[in-house]
Amino acid sequence: MAITIIIGAQWGDEGKGKIVDYLSKDVDIVARFQGGNNAGHTVVYEDKELVLHLIPCGILHKDIACVIGSGVVINPKVLIEEIENLQALGVNIENRVFVSEIANIIMPYHTCLDRINEQIRGKGKIGTTGKGIGPAYMDMVARVGIRAIDLLEEEIFVKKLKKNLEEKKFFLKQYNGWGEFDFSKIKEGYLEYGQKLRKYLLNTVVYLDEAIRKQKKILFEGAQGTLLDVCYGTFPYVTSSNTIAGGACTGIGIGPTVINKVVGITKAYTTRVGGGPFPTEFSEEMNSNIRTKGKEFGATTGRPRRCGWLDMVALKYAKQVNGFRNIVVTKLDILSGLKDIKICIGYKYEQEVLKNFPHSLKVLRECEPIYETFPGWQEDISGISDYKDLPFNAKKYLLWIEKMLEVKVDLISIGPKRNQIVRKD
């Protein structure tokens, strides 16, 4: 596992944080390559639930370096708070956290624009977290974004800030969003953030290239999931970055030739947050039961997640765009106690059976899932440590996933704690 990419294979919330934390003990560096503080990776540390929004989950392992790549948009206030929270817990971060000096910065007007855009969309709103992620990426693509290194160069920062505020002023005034912005206050606050972050900023391209040359073991951590990718997800109900494996190359600054392995993370069922089509969504009663049992509420927003059966059509699509041959199955324990368990093996649209994931939202909304039903298991599996001790029907369920998806299941998560993981082989 020299250089491995960890990818969410569904609509996010697959449990990547716990898996990255688990795998980190065997690597030298963990690097985050996209998204922002709209992500929330949850791990249980010393019996306390800890949510990391920007710093990679490998930070909880002594001596592992953590890199925040240039593909991440950074709210400096959130990053500083996260650093201080970790220090308060006794986690040593000195010479362990490195932030790309060319990562784009989330500004106060980005969060305001995010809220306004959702308000304008009305019933057609996407369901963003309102953290300013999309507007920050828009500024990056429009080539007007403020980068981390700019916070250390006052003249350049002031020039960019003035220009951006001038450009945003007209739009914000139309929606009563202008009053909260004061040039001097923003300038002073962000220059102060820059000084606090100075020792963490680095040319991470050079740092990682040197690490690769030294044959260090590196884990690349993605946020959200494949079906939220800005290009390949259920557009427009997506995030604003490339969540797939290819995003690691652009978000970190490495070539694809150095990647050794891609691992997809999937729940034993499916969830998604916000709007958008969801073919295998449970009935209201089942949704409520699984949501409560699985604690399916957003780590960042607290919003309830929509729950449904495992969707093999969507997983095959995730495999196609990411190229993974290995997967990790999380939250298998939540299915314990069900008499029957279903897996979607195709969609029926009008008179046609679809085996491939459609890009048309109309088709995805109107299709009917075709299910194969498996017998469930009644045993509590949360205390199991050996694969052979899993119930027969649970093992049958996992083997069927392997066969249909043509992948190898590496790990199975059977509870929220760090040690509640079963290795298949």
Protein backbone atom coordinates (compact mmCIF):
# COMPACT_ATOMS: atom_id res chain seq x y z
CA MET A 1 0.00 0.00 0.00
CA ALA A 2 2.65 2.51 -1.05
CA ILE A 3 0.35 5.19 -2.51
CA THR A 4 -3.38 4.60 -1.99
CA ILE A 5 -6.44 6.73 -2.69
CA ILE A 6 -9.49 6.36 -0.45
CA ILE A 7 -12.73 7.23 -2.25
CA GLY A 8 -16.36 7.40 -1.19
CA ALA A 9 -18.33 5.16 -3.57
CA GLN A 10 -21.79 6.58 -2.83
CA TRP A 11 -23.25 10.02 -1.96
CA GLY A 12 -20.72 10.63 0.81
CA ASP A 13 -21.00 9.78 4.51
CA GLU A 14 -19.67 6.27 3.86
CA GLY A 15 -17.43 6.25 6.94
CA LYS A 16 -14.21 7.32 5.23
CA GLY A 17 -12.96 9.08 8.36
CA LYS A 18 -12.89 5.93 10.44
CA ILE A 19 -11.29 3.89 7.65
CA VAL A 20 -8.60 6.50 6.97
CA ASP A 21 -7.91 6.63 10.70
CA TYR A 22 -7.63 2.82 10.78
CA LEU A 23 -5.34 2.59 7.75
CA SER A 24 -3.20 5.55 8.81
CA LYS A 25 -1.30 3.51 11.37
CA ASP A 26 0.52 1.82 8.48
CA VAL A 27 1.48 4.93 6.47
CA ASP A 28 3.79 7.94 6.72
CA ILE A 29 1.58 10.68 5.25
CA VAL A 30 -2.15 11.29 4.88
CA ALA A 31 -3.16 13.97 2.37
CA ARG A 32 -6.58 15.55 1.79
CA PHE A 33 -7.16 16.54 -1.84
CA GLN A 34 -10.54 18.30 -2.25
CA GLY A 35 -13.60 19.82 -0.60
CA GLY A 36 -13.61 22.07 2.43
CA ASN A 37 -15.20 22.27 5.85
CA ASN A 38 -18.45 21.05 4.29
CA ALA A 39 -16.97 17.60 4.95
CA GLY A 40 -17.09 16.02 8.37
CA HIS A 41 -15.01 12.92 8.99
CA THR A 42 -15.97 11.32 12.29
CA VAL A 43 -13.62 9.18 14.38
CA VAL A 44 -13.85 7.97 17.96
CA TYR A 45 -10.74 9.08 19.87
CA GLU A 46 -10.26 8.02 23.50
CA ASP A 47 -14.00 7.22 23.71
CA LYS A 48 -14.86 10.71 22.43
CA GLU A 49 -16.47 11.36 19.05
CA LEU A 50 -14.26 13.76 17.11
CA VAL A 51 -15.28 15.40 13.83
CA LEU A 52 -12.47 16.62 11.56
CA HIS A 53 -13.47 19.04 8.80
CA LEU A 54 -10.12 19.92 7.20
CA ILE A 55 -7.21 18.13 8.85
CA PRO A 56 -6.82 14.51 7.64
CA CYS A 57 -7.85 11.77 10.05
CA GLY A 58 -4.28 10.47 10.23
CA ILE A 59 -3.49 13.26 12.72
CA LEU A 60 -4.59 10.98 15.56
CA HIS A 61 -1.62 8.68 14.96
CA LYS A 62 1.71 9.81 16.38
CA ASP A 63 4.40 10.92 13.89
CA ILE A 64 2.16 10.74 10.79
CA ALA A 65 2.33 13.88 8.63
CA CYS A 66 -0.94 15.40 7.40
CA VAL A 67 -1.19 17.46 4.23
CA ILE A 68 -4.03 19.71 3.08
CA GLY A 69 -3.66 19.95 -0.68
CA SER A 70 -4.25 22.80 -3.11
CA GLY A 71 -7.56 21.28 -4.22
CA VAL A 72 -9.06 22.01 -0.79
CA VAL A 73 -10.76 25.37 -0.17
CA ILE A 74 -9.89 26.53 3.32
CA ASN A 75 -11.79 28.57 5.86
CA PRO A 76 -8.82 29.78 7.95
CA LYS A 77 -10.93 30.41 11.05
CA VAL A 78 -12.19 26.81 10.97
CA LEU A 79 -8.69 25.42 10.36
CA ILE A 80 -7.21 27.39 13.27
CA GLU A 81 -10.02 26.27 15.57
CA GLU A 82 -9.48 22.67 14.51
CA ILE A 83 -5.76 22.92 15.25
CA GLU A 84 -6.46 24.43 18.67
CA ASN A 85 -9.07 21.76 19.48
CA LEU A 86 -6.61 18.99 18.67
CA GLN A 87 -3.95 20.62 20.81
CA ALA A 88 -6.43 20.90 23.69
CA LEU A 89 -6.98 17.12 23.41
CA GLY A 90 -3.24 16.60 23.75
CA VAL A 91 -2.61 15.77 20.09
CA ASN A 92 0.83 16.96 19.02
CA ILE A 93 0.61 18.67 15.62
CA GLU A 94 3.98 20.42 15.49
CA ASN A 95 5.80 19.66 12.23
CA ARG A 96 2.96 17.33 11.32
CA VAL A 97 0.40 19.57 9.59
CA PHE A 98 1.25 21.08 6.20
CA VAL A 99 -1.08 23.28 4.18
CA SER A 100 -0.64 23.97 0.48
CA GLU A 101 0.38 27.60 0.05
CA ILE A 102 -1.68 27.77 -3.14
CA ALA A 103 -4.92 26.45 -1.65
CA ASN A 104 -7.81 28.90 -2.13
CA ILE A 105 -9.26 30.67 0.89
CA ILE A 106 -12.96 30.90 1.80
CA MET A 107 -13.88 34.54 2.45
CA PRO A 108 -16.89 35.91 4.40
CA TYR A 109 -18.67 36.89 1.18
CA HIS A 110 -18.46 33.31 -0.06
CA THR A 111 -20.67 32.00 2.76
CA CYS A 112 -23.13 34.85 2.20
CA LEU A 113 -23.28 34.14 -1.54
CA ASP A 114 -23.85 30.46 -0.79
CA ARG A 115 -26.89 31.23 1.36
CA ILE A 116 -28.29 33.72 -1.15
CA ASN A 117 -27.92 31.32 -4.06
CA GLU A 118 -29.89 28.64 -2.20
CA GLN A 119 -32.55 31.21 -1.34
CA ILE A 120 -32.91 32.19 -5.00
CA ARG A 121 -33.26 28.56 -6.10
CA GLY A 122 -36.29 28.10 -3.86
CA LYS A 123 -37.79 24.65 -4.36
CA GLY A 124 -34.96 23.77 -6.72
CA LYS A 125 -32.28 24.32 -4.08
CA ILE A 126 -29.34 21.93 -4.10
CA GLY A 127 -29.08 21.55 -0.34
CA THR A 128 -25.57 22.93 0.18
CA THR A 129 -24.07 23.18 3.65
CA GLY A 130 -23.89 26.99 3.29
CA LYS A 131 -20.17 26.96 4.10
CA GLY A 132 -19.16 28.97 1.02
CA ILE A 133 -17.50 26.04 -0.72
CA GLY A 134 -19.13 26.50 -4.15
CA PRO A 135 -18.55 30.28 -4.40
CA ALA A 136 -14.91 29.80 -3.33
CA TYR A 137 -14.38 27.28 -6.13
CA MET A 138 -16.15 29.65 -8.53
CA ASP A 139 -13.64 32.38 -7.69
CA MET A 140 -10.77 29.94 -8.17
CA VAL A 141 -11.99 28.99 -11.65
CA ALA A 142 -12.69 32.66 -12.45
CA ARG A 143 -9.07 33.37 -11.45
CA VAL A 144 -9.97 35.91 -8.79
CA GLY A 145 -9.60 33.67 -5.75
CA ILE A 146 -7.42 34.57 -2.78
CA ARG A 147 -4.84 31.89 -2.00
CA ALA A 148 -3.21 31.00 1.29
CA ILE A 149 0.11 32.52 0.28
CA ASP A 150 -1.63 35.84 -0.40
CA LEU A 151 -2.38 36.16 3.33
CA LEU A 152 1.38 36.54 3.89
CA GLU A 153 1.79 39.26 1.25
CA GLU A 154 -0.27 42.25 2.42
CA GLU A 155 -0.02 44.34 -0.75
CA ILE A 156 -1.25 41.52 -2.98
CA PHE A 157 -3.97 40.51 -0.50
CA VAL A 158 -5.33 44.05 -0.16
CA LYS A 159 -5.44 44.50 -3.94
CA LYS A 160 -7.32 41.21 -4.43
CA LEU A 161 -9.70 41.85 -1.54
CA LYS A 162 -10.66 45.32 -2.82
CA LYS A 163 -11.31 43.99 -6.31
CA ASN A 164 -13.39 41.07 -5.06
CA LEU A 165 -15.51 43.17 -2.74
CA GLU A 166 -16.15 45.62 -5.55
CA GLU A 167 -17.24 42.83 -7.90
CA LYS A 168 -19.48 41.16 -5.31
CA LYS A 169 -21.04 44.43 -4.10
CA PHE A 170 -23.72 44.76 -6.77
CA PHE A 171 -25.05 41.23 -6.39
CA LEU A 172 -24.98 41.26 -2.61
CA LYS A 173 -26.79 44.58 -2.39
CA GLN A 174 -29.72 43.14 -4.34
CA TYR A 175 -30.31 40.59 -1.59
CA ASN A 176 -29.53 42.68 1.50
CA GLY A 177 -26.28 40.82 2.02
CA TRP A 178 -23.87 43.72 1.75
CA GLY A 179 -24.16 45.24 5.21
CA GLU A 180 -22.13 42.57 6.96
CA PHE A 181 -18.90 43.29 5.06
CA ASP A 182 -16.33 45.79 6.25
CA PHE A 183 -13.10 46.02 4.28
CA SER A 184 -10.89 46.98 7.20
CA LYS A 185 -12.28 44.28 9.47
CA ILE A 186 -11.84 41.56 6.84
CA LYS A 187 -8.35 42.79 5.98
CA GLU A 188 -7.15 42.79 9.59
CA GLY A 189 -8.79 39.49 10.43
CA TYR A 190 -7.41 37.59 7.46
CA LEU A 191 -3.90 39.01 7.73
CA GLU A 192 -3.96 37.79 11.35
CA TYR A 193 -5.11 34.36 10.17
CA GLY A 194 -2.17 34.37 7.76
CA GLN A 195 0.33 34.93 10.56
CA LYS A 196 -1.20 32.14 12.64
CA LEU A 197 -1.04 29.75 9.68
CA ARG A 198 2.39 30.86 8.42
CA LYS A 199 4.30 27.97 9.96
CA TYR A 200 1.94 25.42 8.39
CA LEU A 201 2.09 26.75 4.82
CA LEU A 202 4.32 24.82 2.45
CA ASN A 203 5.00 24.00 -1.18
CA THR A 204 3.27 20.64 -0.79
CA VAL A 205 4.00 19.61 -4.37
CA VAL A 206 7.71 19.53 -3.60
CA TYR A 207 7.12 17.96 -0.18
CA LEU A 208 5.07 15.08 -1.59
CA ASP A 209 7.37 14.57 -4.57
CA GLU A 210 10.31 14.14 -2.21
CA ALA A 211 8.26 11.74 -0.08
CA ILE A 212 7.39 9.65 -3.14
CA ARG A 213 11.06 9.55 -4.15
CA LYS A 214 11.91 8.28 -0.68
CA GLN A 215 9.22 5.58 -1.11
CA LYS A 216 7.11 6.85 1.77
CA LYS A 217 3.69 5.31 2.22
CA ILE A 218 1.00 7.87 1.44
CA LEU A 219 -2.77 7.76 1.85
CA PHE A 220 -4.86 10.24 -0.15
CA GLU A 221 -8.13 11.09 1.56
CA GLY A 222 -11.17 12.32 -0.37
CA ALA A 223 -14.24 14.07 0.99
CA GLN A 224 -17.89 13.50 0.00
CA GLY A 225 -18.49 10.67 -2.49
CA THR A 226 -18.44 9.66 -6.15
CA LEU A 227 -22.09 10.51 -6.81
CA LEU A 228 -21.42 14.05 -5.57
CA ASP A 229 -18.59 14.68 -8.03
CA VAL A 230 -19.13 17.98 -9.87
CA CYS A 231 -18.69 16.26 -13.27
CA TYR A 232 -19.75 12.66 -12.72
CA GLY A 233 -22.27 12.92 -9.90
CA THR A 234 -26.04 13.48 -9.99
CA PHE A 235 -25.61 17.03 -11.30
CA PRO A 236 -26.68 19.62 -10.14
CA TYR A 237 -27.19 17.87 -6.77
CA VAL A 238 -23.45 17.60 -6.30
CA THR A 239 -20.57 19.26 -4.51
CA SER A 240 -18.24 21.75 -6.25
CA SER A 241 -15.12 19.63 -6.64
CA ASN A 242 -13.90 16.37 -8.14
CA THR A 243 -14.49 13.71 -5.51
CA ILE A 244 -13.32 10.80 -7.67
CA ALA A 245 -9.85 9.23 -7.75
CA GLY A 246 -8.68 11.48 -10.58
CA GLY A 247 -9.30 14.44 -8.27
CA ALA A 248 -6.40 13.29 -6.10
CA CYS A 249 -3.95 14.02 -8.91
CA THR A 250 -5.19 17.56 -9.52
CA GLY A 251 -5.97 18.30 -5.88
CA ILE A 252 -2.56 17.26 -4.57
CA GLY A 253 -0.30 17.78 -7.57
CA ILE A 254 0.88 14.24 -8.38
CA GLY A 255 0.95 12.23 -11.58
CA PRO A 256 -1.34 9.19 -12.01
CA THR A 257 1.65 6.93 -12.64
CA VAL A 258 2.60 6.96 -8.93
CA ILE A 259 -0.73 5.66 -7.67
CA ASN A 260 -0.67 2.00 -6.61
CA LYS A 261 -4.17 1.37 -5.32
CA VAL A 262 -7.66 2.87 -5.15
CA VAL A 263 -10.04 1.72 -2.42
CA GLY A 264 -13.76 2.45 -2.53
CA ILE A 265 -15.75 2.88 0.68
CA THR A 266 -19.42 1.87 0.72
CA LYS A 267 -22.01 1.45 3.42
CA ALA A 268 -23.86 -1.86 3.57
CA TYR A 269 -26.86 0.24 2.56
CA THR A 270 -27.11 3.67 0.91
CA THR A 271 -27.62 7.21 2.23
CA ARG A 272 -27.70 10.71 0.82
CA VAL A 273 -28.26 14.21 2.20
CA GLY A 274 -30.29 16.98 0.58
CA GLY A 275 -32.20 16.94 -2.68
CA GLY A 276 -31.83 14.80 -5.77
CA PRO A 277 -33.11 11.44 -7.01
CA PHE A 278 -32.58 8.35 -4.86
CA PRO A 279 -33.97 5.19 -6.53
CA THR A 280 -33.56 2.79 -3.58
CA GLU A 281 -34.82 5.10 -0.82
CA PHE A 282 -36.70 3.34 1.98
CA SER A 283 -40.29 3.89 2.96
CA GLU A 284 -40.83 6.59 5.59
CA GLU A 285 -41.03 4.06 8.45
CA MET A 286 -37.96 2.10 7.35
CA ASN A 287 -36.10 5.36 6.75
CA SER A 288 -36.78 6.45 10.30
CA ASN A 289 -35.72 3.09 11.77
CA ILE A 290 -32.40 2.85 9.94
CA ARG A 291 -31.65 6.55 10.44
CA THR A 292 -32.11 6.19 14.19
CA LYS A 293 -30.21 2.92 14.47
CA GLY A 294 -27.36 4.09 12.24
CA LYS A 295 -27.25 7.63 13.68
CA GLU A 296 -27.63 8.94 10.16
CA PHE A 297 -27.30 12.66 10.75
CA GLY A 298 -24.77 14.87 9.00
CA ALA A 299 -21.48 15.34 10.90
CA THR A 300 -21.23 18.92 9.63
CA THR A 301 -24.85 20.10 9.46
CA GLY A 302 -26.75 17.65 11.64
CA ARG A 303 -29.26 17.19 8.83
CA PRO A 304 -31.03 13.80 8.71
CA ARG A 305 -29.79 11.53 5.95
CA ARG A 306 -32.12 9.75 3.57
CA CYS A 307 -31.59 5.99 3.71
CA GLY A 308 -32.13 3.18 1.21
CA TRP A 309 -31.06 -0.27 0.08
CA LEU A 310 -27.63 -0.91 -1.41
CA ASP A 311 -27.59 0.18 -5.06
CA MET A 312 -25.35 -2.05 -7.18
CA VAL A 313 -26.01 -0.02 -10.35
CA ALA A 314 -24.61 3.08 -8.66
CA LEU A 315 -21.68 1.14 -7.16
CA LYS A 316 -20.72 -0.28 -10.56
CA TYR A 317 -20.70 3.26 -11.91
CA ALA A 318 -18.47 4.35 -9.02
CA LYS A 319 -16.10 1.52 -9.86
CA GLN A 320 -16.01 2.61 -13.52
CA VAL A 321 -15.05 6.23 -12.82
CA ASN A 322 -12.62 5.45 -9.99
CA GLY A 323 -11.07 2.18 -11.11
CA PHE A 324 -11.07 0.62 -7.66
CA ARG A 325 -10.66 -3.14 -7.31
CA ASN A 326 -10.93 -3.21 -3.52
CA ILE A 327 -13.68 -1.97 -1.24
CA VAL A 328 -14.45 -1.49 2.42
CA VAL A 329 -18.01 -2.14 3.63
CA THR A 330 -19.11 -0.04 6.59
CA LYS A 331 -22.09 -0.17 8.97
CA LEU A 332 -22.83 -3.82 8.31
CA ASP A 333 -24.00 -4.04 11.93
CA ILE A 334 -26.93 -1.68 11.22
CA LEU A 335 -28.55 -4.36 9.04
CA SER A 336 -28.58 -6.87 11.90
CA GLY A 337 -32.10 -7.84 12.91
CA LEU A 338 -33.69 -7.48 9.48
CA LYS A 339 -35.59 -10.50 8.20
CA ASP A 340 -34.79 -9.74 4.55
CA ILE A 341 -32.19 -7.50 2.91
CA LYS A 342 -32.47 -6.16 -0.61
CA ILE A 343 -29.87 -5.13 -3.16
CA CYS A 344 -30.77 -3.18 -6.29
CA ILE A 345 -29.37 -4.98 -9.35
CA GLY A 346 -30.95 -2.84 -12.09
CA TYR A 347 -33.46 -0.11 -12.89
CA LYS A 348 -36.68 -0.41 -14.83
CA TYR A 349 -37.48 2.68 -16.88
CA GLU A 350 -40.67 2.54 -18.96
CA GLN A 351 -40.28 -0.81 -20.75
CA GLU A 352 -36.50 -0.96 -20.55
CA VAL A 353 -34.21 -2.57 -17.97
CA LEU A 354 -31.17 -0.41 -17.25
CA LYS A 355 -27.97 -2.01 -16.03
CA ASN A 356 -25.89 1.19 -16.27
CA PHE A 357 -26.29 4.28 -14.12
CA PRO A 358 -28.14 6.97 -16.14
CA HIS A 359 -26.94 10.58 -16.31
CA SER A 360 -30.47 11.84 -16.93
CA LEU A 361 -32.09 13.03 -13.70
CA LYS A 362 -35.49 12.46 -15.29
CA VAL A 363 -34.71 8.80 -15.86
CA LEU A 364 -33.17 8.43 -12.40
CA ARG A 365 -36.23 9.99 -10.76
CA GLU A 366 -38.74 7.88 -12.66
CA CYS A 367 -37.00 4.52 -12.74
CA GLU A 368 -38.00 1.64 -10.47
CA PRO A 369 -35.30 -0.38 -8.73
CA ILE A 370 -35.09 -4.10 -9.48
CA TYR A 371 -34.20 -5.97 -6.30
CA GLU A 372 -32.69 -9.27 -5.33
CA THR A 373 -33.62 -10.30 -1.80
CA PHE A 374 -31.32 -12.01 0.69
CA PRO A 375 -32.10 -13.53 4.09
CA GLY A 376 -30.94 -11.33 6.94
CA TRP A 377 -29.31 -12.25 10.24
CA GLN A 378 -30.47 -11.63 13.78
CA GLU A 379 -27.18 -11.80 15.67
CA ASP A 380 -25.43 -8.73 17.11
CA ILE A 381 -22.15 -8.60 15.18
CA SER A 382 -20.65 -5.49 16.81
CA GLY A 383 -18.31 -7.51 19.04
CA ILE A 384 -16.91 -9.83 16.36
CA SER A 385 -13.20 -9.59 15.53
CA ASP A 386 -12.73 -12.52 13.13
CA TYR A 387 -14.42 -12.78 9.73
CA LYS A 388 -15.17 -16.48 10.20
CA ASP A 389 -17.36 -15.60 13.20
CA LEU A 390 -19.75 -13.43 11.19
CA PRO A 391 -23.22 -14.96 10.67
CA PHE A 392 -23.53 -17.13 7.57
CA ASN A 393 -26.03 -14.76 5.94
CA ALA A 394 -23.81 -11.73 6.59
CA LYS A 395 -20.89 -13.47 4.87
CA LYS A 396 -23.19 -14.49 2.02
CA TYR A 397 -24.24 -10.85 1.61
CA LEU A 398 -20.60 -9.70 1.43
CA LEU A 399 -19.60 -12.44 -1.01
CA TRP A 400 -22.50 -11.53 -3.28
CA ILE A 401 -21.34 -7.90 -3.30
CA GLU A 402 -17.85 -9.08 -4.26
CA LYS A 403 -19.19 -11.24 -7.06
CA MET A 404 -21.57 -8.65 -8.54
CA LEU A 405 -19.09 -5.79 -8.31
CA GLU A 406 -16.06 -7.92 -9.22
CA VAL A 407 -14.01 -6.50 -6.38
CA LYS A 408 -12.36 -7.73 -3.20
CA VAL A 409 -13.75 -6.72 0.20
CA ASP A 410 -10.75 -5.79 2.34
CA LEU A 411 -12.39 -4.60 5.55
CA ILE A 412 -15.81 -4.62 7.20
CA SER A 413 -16.79 -2.01 9.78
CA ILE A 414 -19.21 -3.33 12.42
CA GLY A 415 -19.48 -0.33 14.77
CA PRO A 416 -18.33 3.26 15.33
CA LYS A 417 -15.26 2.54 17.48
CA ARG A 418 -11.76 2.42 16.02
CA ASN A 419 -11.32 -1.28 16.80
CA GLN A 420 -14.70 -2.40 15.42
CA ILE A 421 -13.24 -3.49 12.10
CA VAL A 422 -12.96 -7.00 10.67
CA ARG A 423 -10.36 -7.94 8.09
CA LYS A 424 -11.82 -10.30 5.50
CA ASP A 425 -8.53 -12.07 4.79
